[in-house]
Amino acid sequence: MISNTAGTDSAGAATLSVQVNGEPRALPTGSSVADLAAALGLPDTGVAIAVGDDVIPAGRWAATALVDGAEVDVLTAVQGG
């Protein structure tokens, strides 16, 4: 679950604060890019996620931990003409 505040959640678990496309979000401490993608309900394809200035390949999302204060940009592909 993602909330808009950091510190602790309703169960008292520690959270970290990240910026996702400029909006503050709180995630459980130890969350990965994959955890964020799942919490946001992102599709498995057509998505790029950058943490800071680094685009994270989808194959490394689970191994890429988020840290407090991280700036994350989520981009999705759009079809059309």
PDB file of N, CA and C in Angstrom:
ATOM      1  N   MET A   1       0.837  -1.177   0.000  1.00  0.00           N
ATOM      2  CA  MET A   1       0.000   0.000   0.000  1.00  0.00           C
ATOM      3  C   MET A   1       0.879   1.236   0.000  1.00  0.00           C
ATOM      4  N   ILE A   2       0.489   2.247  -0.755  1.00  0.00           N
ATOM      5  CA  ILE A   2       1.209   3.503  -0.796  1.00  0.00           C
ATOM      6  C   ILE A   2       0.349   4.561  -0.142  1.00  0.00           C
ATOM      7  N   SER A   3       0.961   5.332   0.747  1.00  0.00           N
ATOM      8  CA  SER A   3       0.260   6.474   1.330  1.00  0.00           C
ATOM      9  C   SER A   3       1.010   7.733   0.936  1.00  0.00           C
ATOM     10  N   ASN A   4       0.499   8.870   1.351  1.00  0.00           N
ATOM     11  CA  ASN A   4       1.134  10.129   1.002  1.00  0.00           C
ATOM     12  C   ASN A   4       1.987  10.692   2.124  1.00  0.00           C
ATOM     13  N   THR A   5       2.251   9.919   3.166  1.00  0.00           N
ATOM     14  CA  THR A   5       3.094  10.392   4.264  1.00  0.00           C
ATOM     15  C   THR A   5       4.135   9.343   4.592  1.00  0.00           C
ATOM     16  N   ALA A   6       5.222   9.772   5.208  1.00  0.00           N
ATOM     17  CA  ALA A   6       6.282   8.841   5.595  1.00  0.00           C
ATOM     18  C   ALA A   6       6.408   8.819   7.104  1.00  0.00           C
ATOM     19  N   GLY A   7       7.147   7.866   7.619  1.00  0.00           N
ATOM     20  CA  GLY A   7       7.369   7.729   9.050  1.00  0.00           C
ATOM     21  C   GLY A   7       7.017   6.339   9.492  1.00  0.00           C
ATOM     22  N   THR A   8       5.743   6.113   9.853  1.00  0.00           N
ATOM     23  CA  THR A   8       5.245   4.782  10.186  1.00  0.00           C
ATOM     24  C   THR A   8       3.849   4.636   9.611  1.00  0.00           C
ATOM     25  N   ASP A   9       3.472   3.404   9.303  1.00  0.00           N
ATOM     26  CA  ASP A   9       2.116   3.178   8.815  1.00  0.00           C
ATOM     27  C   ASP A   9       1.189   2.891   9.997  1.00  0.00           C
ATOM     28  N   SER A  10      -0.066   2.571   9.712  1.00  0.00           N
ATOM     29  CA  SER A  10      -1.049   2.370  10.775  1.00  0.00           C
ATOM     30  C   SER A  10      -0.699   1.198  11.684  1.00  0.00           C
ATOM     31  N   ALA A  11       0.116   0.259  11.201  1.00  0.00           N
ATOM     32  CA  ALA A  11       0.536  -0.880  12.020  1.00  0.00           C
ATOM     33  C   ALA A  11       1.847  -0.585  12.752  1.00  0.00           C
ATOM     34  N   GLY A  12       2.385   0.619  12.572  1.00  0.00           N
ATOM     35  CA  GLY A  12       3.617   0.990  13.236  1.00  0.00           C
ATOM     36  C   GLY A  12       4.880   0.607  12.490  1.00  0.00           C
ATOM     37  N   ALA A  13       4.752   0.098  11.258  1.00  0.00           N
ATOM     38  CA  ALA A  13       5.920  -0.282  10.468  1.00  0.00           C
ATOM     39  C   ALA A  13       6.588   0.968   9.896  1.00  0.00           C
ATOM     40  N   ALA A  14       7.914   0.936   9.815  1.00  0.00           N
ATOM     41  CA  ALA A  14       8.667   2.067   9.283  1.00  0.00           C
ATOM     42  C   ALA A  14       8.414   2.234   7.790  1.00  0.00           C
ATOM     43  N   THR A  15       8.369   3.480   7.357  1.00  0.00           N
ATOM     44  CA  THR A  15       8.174   3.781   5.944  1.00  0.00           C
ATOM     45  C   THR A  15       9.264   4.732   5.466  1.00  0.00           C
ATOM     46  N   LEU A  16       9.435   4.787   4.147  1.00  0.00           N
ATOM     47  CA  LEU A  16      10.337   5.751   3.548  1.00  0.00           C
ATOM     48  C   LEU A  16       9.526   6.634   2.616  1.00  0.00           C
ATOM     49  N   SER A  17      10.011   7.836   2.386  1.00  0.00           N
ATOM     50  CA  SER A  17       9.317   8.803   1.549  1.00  0.00           C
ATOM     51  C   SER A  17      10.054   8.948   0.230  1.00  0.00           C
ATOM     52  N   VAL A  18       9.324   8.822  -0.872  1.00  0.00           N
ATOM     53  CA  VAL A  18       9.881   9.039  -2.204  1.00  0.00           C
ATOM     54  C   VAL A  18       8.980   9.999  -2.964  1.00  0.00           C
ATOM     55  N   GLN A  19       9.520  10.608  -4.001  1.00  0.00           N
ATOM     56  CA  GLN A  19       8.739  11.451  -4.901  1.00  0.00           C
ATOM     57  C   GLN A  19       8.486  10.631  -6.161  1.00  0.00           C
ATOM     58  N   VAL A  20       7.227  10.425  -6.526  1.00  0.00           N
ATOM     59  CA  VAL A  20       6.877   9.683  -7.733  1.00  0.00           C
ATOM     60  C   VAL A  20       6.205  10.667  -8.685  1.00  0.00           C
ATOM     61  N   ASN A  21       6.894  10.963  -9.779  1.00  0.00           N
ATOM     62  CA  ASN A  21       6.414  11.969 -10.733  1.00  0.00           C
ATOM     63  C   ASN A  21       6.048  13.266 -10.019  1.00  0.00           C
ATOM     64  N   GLY A  22       6.880  13.643  -9.038  1.00  0.00           N
ATOM     65  CA  GLY A  22       6.706  14.894  -8.323  1.00  0.00           C
ATOM     66  C   GLY A  22       5.742  14.861  -7.160  1.00  0.00           C
ATOM     67  N   GLU A  23       5.101  13.716  -6.899  1.00  0.00           N
ATOM     68  CA  GLU A  23       4.153  13.605  -5.792  1.00  0.00           C
ATOM     69  C   GLU A  23       4.753  12.766  -4.668  1.00  0.00           C
ATOM     70  N   PRO A  24       4.630  13.244  -3.429  1.00  0.00           N
ATOM     71  CA  PRO A  24       5.192  12.466  -2.310  1.00  0.00           C
ATOM     72  C   PRO A  24       4.416  11.176  -2.074  1.00  0.00           C
ATOM     73  N   ARG A  25       5.153  10.108  -1.830  1.00  0.00           N
ATOM     74  CA  ARG A  25       4.568   8.799  -1.523  1.00  0.00           C
ATOM     75  C   ARG A  25       5.364   8.148  -0.407  1.00  0.00           C
ATOM     76  N   ALA A  26       4.693   7.385   0.417  1.00  0.00           N
ATOM     77  CA  ALA A  26       5.370   6.609   1.453  1.00  0.00           C
ATOM     78  C   ALA A  26       5.249   5.132   1.113  1.00  0.00           C
ATOM     79  N   LEU A  27       6.351   4.413   1.271  1.00  0.00           N
ATOM     80  CA  LEU A  27       6.426   2.977   1.021  1.00  0.00           C
ATOM     81  C   LEU A  27       7.057   2.311   2.236  1.00  0.00           C
ATOM     82  N   PRO A  28       6.808   1.026   2.418  1.00  0.00           N
ATOM     83  CA  PRO A  28       7.483   0.322   3.515  1.00  0.00           C
ATOM     84  C   PRO A  28       8.999   0.390   3.331  1.00  0.00           C
ATOM     85  N   THR A  29       9.718   0.571   4.423  1.00  0.00           N
ATOM     86  CA  THR A  29      11.175   0.570   4.375  1.00  0.00           C
ATOM     87  C   THR A  29      11.652  -0.729   3.731  1.00  0.00           C
ATOM     88  N   GLY A  30      12.643  -0.632   2.860  1.00  0.00           N
ATOM     89  CA  GLY A  30      13.164  -1.806   2.157  1.00  0.00           C
ATOM     90  C   GLY A  30      12.479  -2.079   0.837  1.00  0.00           C
ATOM     91  N   SER A  31      11.558  -1.208   0.420  1.00  0.00           N
ATOM     92  CA  SER A  31      10.850  -1.417  -0.847  1.00  0.00           C
ATOM     93  C   SER A  31      11.796  -1.289  -2.037  1.00  0.00           C
ATOM     94  N   SER A  32      11.490  -2.070  -3.056  1.00  0.00           N
ATOM     95  CA  SER A  32      12.261  -2.029  -4.301  1.00  0.00           C
ATOM     96  C   SER A  32      11.450  -1.302  -5.369  1.00  0.00           C
ATOM     97  N   VAL A  33      12.086  -1.073  -6.501  1.00  0.00           N
ATOM     98  CA  VAL A  33      11.382  -0.492  -7.643  1.00  0.00           C
ATOM     99  C   VAL A  33      10.232  -1.416  -8.050  1.00  0.00           C
ATOM    100  N   ALA A  34      10.432  -2.727  -7.984  1.00  0.00           N
ATOM    101  CA  ALA A  34       9.361  -3.675  -8.314  1.00  0.00           C
ATOM    102  C   ALA A  34       8.183  -3.534  -7.355  1.00  0.00           C
ATOM    103  N   ASP A  35       8.471  -3.318  -6.071  1.00  0.00           N
ATOM    104  CA  ASP A  35       7.394  -3.115  -5.095  1.00  0.00           C
ATOM    105  C   ASP A  35       6.594  -1.862  -5.428  1.00  0.00           C
ATOM    106  N   LEU A  36       7.292  -0.800  -5.806  1.00  0.00           N
ATOM    107  CA  LEU A  36       6.610   0.430  -6.192  1.00  0.00           C
ATOM    108  C   LEU A  36       5.736   0.201  -7.414  1.00  0.00           C
ATOM    109  N   ALA A  37       6.284  -0.471  -8.437  1.00  0.00           N
ATOM    110  CA  ALA A  37       5.523  -0.748  -9.655  1.00  0.00           C
ATOM    111  C   ALA A  37       4.257  -1.541  -9.344  1.00  0.00           C
ATOM    112  N   ALA A  38       4.372  -2.543  -8.472  1.00  0.00           N
ATOM    113  CA  ALA A  38       3.204  -3.349  -8.094  1.00  0.00           C
ATOM    114  C   ALA A  38       2.192  -2.508  -7.328  1.00  0.00           C
ATOM    115  N   ALA A  39       2.677  -1.676  -6.404  1.00  0.00           N
ATOM    116  CA  ALA A  39       1.766  -0.838  -5.616  1.00  0.00           C
ATOM    117  C   ALA A  39       1.021   0.165  -6.481  1.00  0.00           C
ATOM    118  N   LEU A  40       1.676   0.611  -7.554  1.00  0.00           N
ATOM    119  CA  LEU A  40       1.034   1.555  -8.476  1.00  0.00           C
ATOM    120  C   LEU A  40       0.149   0.854  -9.504  1.00  0.00           C
ATOM    121  N   GLY A  41       0.201  -0.473  -9.535  1.00  0.00           N
ATOM    122  CA  GLY A  41      -0.607  -1.228 -10.495  1.00  0.00           C
ATOM    123  C   GLY A  41      -0.122  -1.069 -11.925  1.00  0.00           C
ATOM    124  N   LEU A  42       1.186  -0.925 -12.098  1.00  0.00           N
ATOM    125  CA  LEU A  42       1.740  -0.725 -13.435  1.00  0.00           C
ATOM    126  C   LEU A  42       1.736  -2.020 -14.237  1.00  0.00           C
ATOM    127  N   PRO A  43       1.564  -1.908 -15.550  1.00  0.00           N
ATOM    128  CA  PRO A  43       1.609  -3.108 -16.393  1.00  0.00           C
ATOM    129  C   PRO A  43       3.029  -3.656 -16.476  1.00  0.00           C
ATOM    130  N   ASP A  44       3.167  -4.890 -16.960  1.00  0.00           N
ATOM    131  CA  ASP A  44       4.472  -5.537 -17.061  1.00  0.00           C
ATOM    132  C   ASP A  44       5.306  -5.010 -18.227  1.00  0.00           C
ATOM    133  N   THR A  45       4.664  -4.412 -19.216  1.00  0.00           N
ATOM    134  CA  THR A  45       5.381  -3.906 -20.386  1.00  0.00           C
ATOM    135  C   THR A  45       4.972  -2.466 -20.658  1.00  0.00           C
ATOM    136  N   GLY A  46       5.798  -1.790 -21.433  1.00  0.00           N
ATOM    137  CA  GLY A  46       5.486  -0.428 -21.817  1.00  0.00           C
ATOM    138  C   GLY A  46       5.707   0.598 -20.728  1.00  0.00           C
ATOM    139  N   VAL A  47       6.543   0.265 -19.730  1.00  0.00           N
ATOM    140  CA  VAL A  47       6.805   1.163 -18.609  1.00  0.00           C
ATOM    141  C   VAL A  47       8.310   1.328 -18.448  1.00  0.00           C
ATOM    142  N   ALA A  48       8.739   2.566 -18.212  1.00  0.00           N
ATOM    143  CA  ALA A  48      10.127   2.852 -17.861  1.00  0.00           C
ATOM    144  C   ALA A  48      10.121   3.553 -16.512  1.00  0.00           C
ATOM    145  N   ILE A  49      11.049   3.165 -15.653  1.00  0.00           N
ATOM    146  CA  ILE A  49      11.161   3.791 -14.335  1.00  0.00           C
ATOM    147  C   ILE A  49      12.589   4.290 -14.165  1.00  0.00           C
ATOM    148  N   ALA A  50      12.706   5.565 -13.805  1.00  0.00           N
ATOM    149  CA  ALA A  50      14.007   6.167 -13.529  1.00  0.00           C
ATOM    150  C   ALA A  50      14.054   6.552 -12.059  1.00  0.00           C
ATOM    151  N   VAL A  51      15.170   6.270 -11.427  1.00  0.00           N
ATOM    152  CA  VAL A  51      15.411   6.688 -10.049  1.00  0.00           C
ATOM    153  C   VAL A  51      16.576   7.667 -10.119  1.00  0.00           C
ATOM    154  N   GLY A  52      16.314   8.912  -9.737  1.00  0.00           N
ATOM    155  CA  GLY A  52      17.320   9.946  -9.944  1.00  0.00           C
ATOM    156  C   GLY A  52      17.512  10.112 -11.440  1.00  0.00           C
ATOM    157  N   ASP A  53      18.738  10.040 -11.895  1.00  0.00           N
ATOM    158  CA  ASP A  53      19.043  10.183 -13.325  1.00  0.00           C
ATOM    159  C   ASP A  53      19.240   8.846 -14.023  1.00  0.00           C
ATOM    160  N   ASP A  54      18.979   7.744 -13.324  1.00  0.00           N
ATOM    161  CA  ASP A  54      19.247   6.420 -13.878  1.00  0.00           C
ATOM    162  C   ASP A  54      17.964   5.680 -14.236  1.00  0.00           C
ATOM    163  N   VAL A  55      17.832   5.302 -15.510  1.00  0.00           N
ATOM    164  CA  VAL A  55      16.723   4.440 -15.919  1.00  0.00           C
ATOM    165  C   VAL A  55      17.067   3.029 -15.460  1.00  0.00           C
ATOM    166  N   ILE A  56      16.132   2.405 -14.752  1.00  0.00           N
ATOM    167  CA  ILE A  56      16.359   1.063 -14.204  1.00  0.00           C
ATOM    168  C   ILE A  56      15.745   0.034 -15.150  1.00  0.00           C
ATOM    169  N   PRO A  57      16.550  -0.861 -15.727  1.00  0.00           N
ATOM    170  CA  PRO A  57      15.989  -1.898 -16.593  1.00  0.00           C
ATOM    171  C   PRO A  57      14.980  -2.751 -15.815  1.00  0.00           C
ATOM    172  N   ALA A  58      13.916  -3.146 -16.466  1.00  0.00           N
ATOM    173  CA  ALA A  58      12.858  -3.921 -15.799  1.00  0.00           C
ATOM    174  C   ALA A  58      13.412  -5.173 -15.124  1.00  0.00           C
ATOM    175  N   GLY A  59      14.410  -5.776 -15.697  1.00  0.00           N
ATOM    176  CA  GLY A  59      15.018  -6.967 -15.114  1.00  0.00           C
ATOM    177  C   GLY A  59      15.744  -6.706 -13.799  1.00  0.00           C
ATOM    178  N   ARG A  60      15.980  -5.434 -13.463  1.00  0.00           N
ATOM    179  CA  ARG A  60      16.674  -5.096 -12.215  1.00  0.00           C
ATOM    180  C   ARG A  60      15.749  -4.429 -11.196  1.00  0.00           C
ATOM    181  N   TRP A  61      14.463  -4.300 -11.506  1.00  0.00           N
ATOM    182  CA  TRP A  61      13.538  -3.632 -10.587  1.00  0.00           C
ATOM    183  C   TRP A  61      13.529  -4.288  -9.213  1.00  0.00           C
ATOM    184  N   ALA A  62      13.471  -5.605  -9.169  1.00  0.00           N
ATOM    185  CA  ALA A  62      13.382  -6.309  -7.877  1.00  0.00           C
ATOM    186  C   ALA A  62      14.660  -6.147  -7.057  1.00  0.00           C
ATOM    187  N   ALA A  63      15.784  -5.963  -7.717  1.00  0.00           N
ATOM    188  CA  ALA A  63      17.065  -5.855  -7.022  1.00  0.00           C
ATOM    189  C   ALA A  63      17.452  -4.408  -6.707  1.00  0.00           C
ATOM    190  N   THR A  64      16.630  -3.451  -7.143  1.00  0.00           N
ATOM    191  CA  THR A  64      16.947  -2.041  -6.932  1.00  0.00           C
ATOM    192  C   THR A  64      16.122  -1.491  -5.776  1.00  0.00           C
ATOM    193  N   ALA A  65      16.800  -1.274  -4.655  1.00  0.00           N
ATOM    194  CA  ALA A  65      16.123  -0.762  -3.465  1.00  0.00           C
ATOM    195  C   ALA A  65      15.911   0.743  -3.582  1.00  0.00           C
ATOM    196  N   LEU A  66      14.790   1.197  -3.070  1.00  0.00           N
ATOM    197  CA  LEU A  66      14.519   2.629  -2.991  1.00  0.00           C
ATOM    198  C   LEU A  66      15.016   3.154  -1.649  1.00  0.00           C
ATOM    199  N   VAL A  67      15.481   4.383  -1.634  1.00  0.00           N
ATOM    200  CA  VAL A  67      15.951   5.000  -0.401  1.00  0.00           C
ATOM    201  C   VAL A  67      15.091   6.214  -0.092  1.00  0.00           C
ATOM    202  N   ASP A  68      15.080   6.589   1.163  1.00  0.00           N
ATOM    203  CA  ASP A  68      14.316   7.747   1.584  1.00  0.00           C
ATOM    204  C   ASP A  68      14.766   8.971   0.791  1.00  0.00           C
ATOM    205  N   GLY A  69      13.806   9.708   0.253  1.00  0.00           N
ATOM    206  CA  GLY A  69      14.094  10.913  -0.511  1.00  0.00           C
ATOM    207  C   GLY A  69      14.326  10.690  -1.991  1.00  0.00           C
ATOM    208  N   ALA A  70      14.249   9.444  -2.466  1.00  0.00           N
ATOM    209  CA  ALA A  70      14.486   9.165  -3.883  1.00  0.00           C
ATOM    210  C   ALA A  70      13.464   9.886  -4.757  1.00  0.00           C
ATOM    211  N   GLU A  71      13.937  10.353  -5.913  1.00  0.00           N
ATOM    212  CA  GLU A  71      13.054  10.946  -6.905  1.00  0.00           C
ATOM    213  C   GLU A  71      12.868   9.929  -8.023  1.00  0.00           C
ATOM    214  N   VAL A  72      11.620   9.515  -8.221  1.00  0.00           N
ATOM    215  CA  VAL A  72      11.288   8.463  -9.172  1.00  0.00           C
ATOM    216  C   VAL A  72      10.393   9.032 -10.261  1.00  0.00           C
ATOM    217  N   ASP A  73      10.733   8.736 -11.512  1.00  0.00           N
ATOM    218  CA  ASP A  73       9.877   9.112 -12.639  1.00  0.00           C
ATOM    219  C   ASP A  73       9.381   7.837 -13.294  1.00  0.00           C
ATOM    220  N   VAL A  74       8.062   7.766 -13.480  1.00  0.00           N
ATOM    221  CA  VAL A  74       7.431   6.625 -14.141  1.00  0.00           C
ATOM    222  C   VAL A  74       6.871   7.106 -15.462  1.00  0.00           C
ATOM    223  N   LEU A  75       7.301   6.449 -16.546  1.00  0.00           N
ATOM    224  CA  LEU A  75       6.848   6.794 -17.885  1.00  0.00           C
ATOM    225  C   LEU A  75       6.179   5.583 -18.504  1.00  0.00           C
ATOM    226  N   THR A  76       5.053   5.807 -19.168  1.00  0.00           N
ATOM    227  CA  THR A  76       4.363   4.713 -19.836  1.00  0.00           C
ATOM    228  C   THR A  76       4.247   5.023 -21.318  1.00  0.00           C
ATOM    229  N   ALA A  77       4.338   3.979 -22.127  1.00  0.00           N
ATOM    230  CA  ALA A  77       4.200   4.113 -23.570  1.00  0.00           C
ATOM    231  C   ALA A  77       2.739   4.321 -23.924  1.00  0.00           C
ATOM    232  N   VAL A  78       2.517   5.162 -24.924  1.00  0.00           N
ATOM    233  CA  VAL A  78       1.162   5.453 -25.375  1.00  0.00           C
ATOM    234  C   VAL A  78       1.105   5.221 -26.876  1.00  0.00           C
ATOM    235  N   GLN A  79       0.083   4.490 -27.310  1.00  0.00           N
ATOM    236  CA  GLN A  79      -0.099   4.270 -28.741  1.00  0.00           C
ATOM    237  C   GLN A  79      -1.065   5.292 -29.294  1.00  0.00           C
ATOM    238  N   GLY A  80      -0.925   5.556 -30.527  1.00  0.00           N
ATOM    239  CA  GLY A  80      -1.850   6.500 -31.151  1.00  0.00           C
ATOM    240  C   GLY A  80      -1.239   7.056 -32.417  1.00  0.00           C
ATOM    241  N   GLY A  81      -2.012   7.868 -33.065  1.00  0.00           N
ATOM    242  CA  GLY A  81      -1.480   8.401 -34.316  1.00  0.00           C
ATOM    243  C   GLY A  81      -2.018   9.725 -34.653  1.00  0.00           C
TER     244      GLY A  81
END
